[in-house]
Amino acid sequence: PLSADLLDSWPATIQAHLRARFPSAERVAEADLSFLPMPGARQRALQSLALAVARDPTLLQPAGSLQASLDKLLAIPGIGPWTAQYIALRELRETDAFPASDAGLLRSWAQINGQRPTPKALSERAEVWRPWRAYAVQQLWNLDAPKARQCGDRSVLNNDPMDFPQGQARGGVATRGRQRATPHERKERGNR
């Protein structure tokens, strides 16, 4: 039927459209990213990743094993274990990727177990879920979703609604001290 044909082609059409609009890895590697609302270290990591992809277009394709993929990603300046695992999970579709230091995973496991684990303890616990740990990640993130939504709720903010309170999660990373919200975050809050 026509509807099935449309639904089958829709994701590919959207993906092709996004790829056509998004700048190439070469352009990202050479661009001035100072306009992006992110720390300089993250900008440099993004450019390092873009440069690595420009040099090796197969970088964001599975490398034969999760560990081989992680090794390639971890060799890129600015890419740490969490980022490598996240890329393996989302882009490489590695079924065993497990970003054990992810704040959402740690919060979710604390909800289940009554005590917040260390990343090492969570990683050890996740060994029994191999080779399907990425599915456990999705389930744990789903469990954490209501908590994550609270982070953007005005009721958890201090006096200045444009600031995040100390230790509050922002972009999946716990903050140290008060930080100004990005322009995008201020706009989102204004739309509530």
Protein backbone atom coordinates (compact mmCIF):
# COMPACT_ATOMS: atom_id res chain seq x y z
CA PRO A 1 0.00 0.00 0.00
CA LEU A 2 0.99 3.60 -0.56
CA SER A 3 1.04 4.43 3.17
CA ALA A 4 3.55 1.65 3.87
CA ASP A 5 5.76 2.87 1.02
CA LEU A 6 5.65 6.41 2.41
CA LEU A 7 6.44 5.26 5.93
CA ASP A 8 9.29 3.07 4.71
CA SER A 9 10.90 5.92 2.76
CA TRP A 10 10.25 8.68 5.30
CA PRO A 11 13.24 8.06 7.66
CA ALA A 12 15.66 7.80 4.74
CA THR A 13 14.26 11.00 3.24
CA ILE A 14 14.59 12.90 6.51
CA GLN A 15 18.10 11.56 7.07
CA ALA A 16 19.18 12.52 3.56
CA HIS A 17 17.70 16.00 4.03
CA LEU A 18 19.58 16.50 7.31
CA ARG A 19 22.85 15.29 5.80
CA ALA A 20 22.44 17.68 2.87
CA ARG A 21 21.89 20.61 5.25
CA PHE A 22 24.50 19.80 7.89
CA PRO A 23 28.05 21.06 7.26
CA SER A 24 30.69 18.54 6.27
CA ALA A 25 33.22 17.26 8.78
CA GLU A 26 35.87 19.36 7.00
CA ARG A 27 33.82 22.54 7.47
CA VAL A 28 33.18 21.80 11.15
CA ALA A 29 36.89 21.07 11.71
CA GLU A 30 37.86 24.44 10.19
CA ALA A 31 35.00 26.56 11.56
CA ASP A 32 35.10 29.11 14.35
CA LEU A 33 32.79 27.46 16.89
CA SER A 34 33.01 30.18 19.52
CA PHE A 35 29.35 31.08 18.84
CA LEU A 36 28.22 27.72 20.22
CA PRO A 37 27.01 27.83 23.85
CA MET A 38 29.49 25.24 25.10
CA PRO A 39 32.82 25.28 26.92
CA GLY A 40 35.97 25.74 24.84
CA ALA A 41 37.17 22.22 25.68
CA ARG A 42 33.97 20.78 24.22
CA GLN A 43 34.35 22.94 21.10
CA ARG A 44 37.90 21.64 20.64
CA ALA A 45 36.73 18.04 21.15
CA LEU A 46 34.01 18.54 18.53
CA GLN A 47 36.57 19.92 16.09
CA SER A 48 38.99 17.08 16.85
CA LEU A 49 36.23 14.57 16.15
CA ALA A 50 35.27 16.39 12.93
CA LEU A 51 38.91 16.42 11.79
CA ALA A 52 39.24 12.69 12.57
CA VAL A 53 36.06 11.95 10.58
CA ALA A 54 37.32 14.08 7.69
CA ARG A 55 40.58 12.10 7.65
CA ASP A 56 38.86 8.72 8.12
CA PRO A 57 35.25 8.65 6.85
CA THR A 58 34.88 5.12 8.26
CA LEU A 59 35.51 6.34 11.82
CA LEU A 60 31.80 6.46 12.64
CA GLN A 61 31.17 2.97 11.33
CA PRO A 62 31.53 -0.17 13.44
CA ALA A 63 35.16 -1.29 13.67
CA GLY A 64 34.52 -5.01 14.12
CA SER A 65 34.20 -4.98 17.90
CA LEU A 66 33.07 -2.55 20.55
CA GLN A 67 36.59 -2.32 21.96
CA ALA A 68 38.09 -1.58 18.53
CA SER A 69 35.54 1.20 18.03
CA LEU A 70 36.21 2.62 21.48
CA ASP A 71 39.98 2.52 20.92
CA LYS A 72 39.61 4.52 17.70
CA LEU A 73 37.40 7.10 19.39
CA LEU A 74 39.52 7.38 22.54
CA ALA A 75 42.57 8.19 20.39
CA ILE A 76 40.90 11.49 19.40
CA PRO A 77 41.94 14.46 21.59
CA GLY A 78 39.11 15.52 23.89
CA ILE A 79 37.10 12.30 23.53
CA GLY A 80 36.84 10.51 26.84
CA PRO A 81 35.24 7.23 27.90
CA TRP A 82 31.69 8.60 28.30
CA THR A 83 31.72 10.26 24.87
CA ALA A 84 33.23 7.20 23.19
CA GLN A 85 30.62 4.91 24.75
CA TYR A 86 27.83 7.35 23.84
CA ILE A 87 28.96 7.51 20.20
CA ALA A 88 29.23 3.72 20.15
CA LEU A 89 25.70 3.45 21.53
CA ARG A 90 23.99 6.09 19.38
CA GLU A 91 25.93 6.25 16.12
CA LEU A 92 27.63 2.86 15.85
CA ARG A 93 24.61 1.04 17.31
CA GLU A 94 26.85 -1.17 19.44
CA THR A 95 24.52 -3.35 21.51
CA ASP A 96 27.05 -3.63 24.33
CA ALA A 97 27.98 0.06 24.71
CA PHE A 98 27.61 1.21 28.31
CA PRO A 99 28.55 4.77 29.45
CA ALA A 100 28.84 3.78 33.11
CA SER A 101 29.64 7.30 34.33
CA ASP A 102 26.42 8.74 32.87
CA ALA A 103 24.57 10.74 35.53
CA GLY A 104 21.17 9.44 34.40
CA LEU A 105 22.28 5.82 34.66
CA LEU A 106 23.71 6.39 38.13
CA ARG A 107 20.50 8.11 39.31
CA SER A 108 18.32 5.35 37.88
CA TRP A 109 20.34 2.60 39.50
CA ALA A 110 20.09 4.48 42.79
CA GLN A 111 16.28 4.47 42.39
CA ILE A 112 16.34 0.71 41.86
CA ASN A 113 18.97 -0.20 44.42
CA GLY A 114 18.50 2.51 47.05
CA GLN A 115 22.10 3.69 46.85
CA ARG A 116 23.95 5.66 44.18
CA PRO A 117 26.72 3.45 42.74
CA THR A 118 30.13 4.49 41.53
CA PRO A 119 30.62 4.18 37.77
CA LYS A 120 32.93 1.22 38.46
CA ALA A 121 30.30 -0.55 40.59
CA LEU A 122 27.60 0.05 37.96
CA SER A 123 29.91 -1.23 35.24
CA GLU A 124 30.62 -4.38 37.28
CA ARG A 125 26.89 -4.91 37.84
CA ALA A 126 26.26 -4.49 34.10
CA GLU A 127 28.60 -7.36 33.21
CA VAL A 128 25.71 -9.82 33.47
CA TRP A 129 23.82 -7.84 30.81
CA ARG A 130 26.46 -8.47 28.13
CA PRO A 131 26.22 -8.35 25.13
CA TRP A 132 23.03 -6.27 25.45
CA ARG A 133 24.05 -3.51 27.87
CA ALA A 134 22.90 -0.75 25.47
CA TYR A 135 19.34 -1.98 25.94
CA ALA A 136 19.78 -1.70 29.70
CA VAL A 137 21.02 1.87 29.14
CA GLN A 138 17.80 2.73 27.32
CA GLN A 139 15.68 1.23 30.10
CA LEU A 140 17.63 3.06 32.80
CA TRP A 141 17.41 6.36 30.90
CA ASN A 142 13.65 5.86 30.57
CA LEU A 143 13.44 5.35 34.31
CA ASP A 144 15.42 8.57 34.85
CA ALA A 145 13.40 10.71 32.40
CA PRO A 146 11.05 12.20 35.05
CA LYS A 147 14.07 13.21 37.17
CA ALA A 148 15.79 14.77 34.16
CA ARG A 149 12.69 16.83 33.37
CA GLN A 150 12.77 18.21 36.93
CA CYS A 151 16.21 19.69 36.22
CA GLY A 152 14.61 22.19 33.86
CA ASP A 153 11.71 22.95 36.21
CA ARG A 154 11.77 26.45 37.71
CA SER A 155 10.93 25.02 41.14
CA VAL A 156 14.43 23.54 41.44
CA LEU A 157 16.17 26.81 40.61
CA ASN A 158 17.60 29.31 43.08
CA ASN A 159 16.62 32.99 43.12
CA ASP A 160 17.87 33.80 39.61
CA PRO A 161 15.81 31.73 37.13
CA MET A 162 18.66 32.01 34.61
CA ASP A 163 21.08 30.14 36.89
CA PHE A 164 21.40 26.46 37.65
CA PRO A 165 21.80 25.59 41.33
CA GLN A 166 25.07 24.09 42.49
CA GLY A 167 25.37 20.44 41.55
CA GLN A 168 22.27 20.50 39.33
CA ALA A 169 22.58 18.47 36.15
CA ARG A 170 22.94 20.44 32.95
CA GLY A 171 23.29 18.75 29.60
CA GLY A 172 23.79 15.42 31.36
CA VAL A 173 26.78 16.72 33.36
CA ALA A 174 26.67 17.81 36.99
CA THR A 175 27.80 21.41 37.39
CA ARG A 176 30.27 22.82 39.88
CA GLY A 177 28.92 26.06 41.30
CA ARG A 178 26.37 28.28 39.63
CA GLN A 179 26.48 28.59 35.85
CA ARG A 180 24.60 30.90 33.54
CA ALA A 181 22.01 29.23 31.36
CA THR A 182 22.73 29.22 27.64
CA PRO A 183 20.67 31.48 25.34
CA HIS A 184 18.74 28.41 24.15
CA GLU A 185 17.93 27.42 27.73
CA ARG A 186 16.78 30.98 28.56
CA LYS A 187 14.54 30.98 25.47
CA GLU A 188 13.06 27.58 26.43
CA ARG A 189 12.30 28.83 29.95
CA GLY A 190 10.66 31.94 28.54
CA ASN A 191 8.31 29.75 26.48
CA ARG A 192 6.84 27.99 29.52
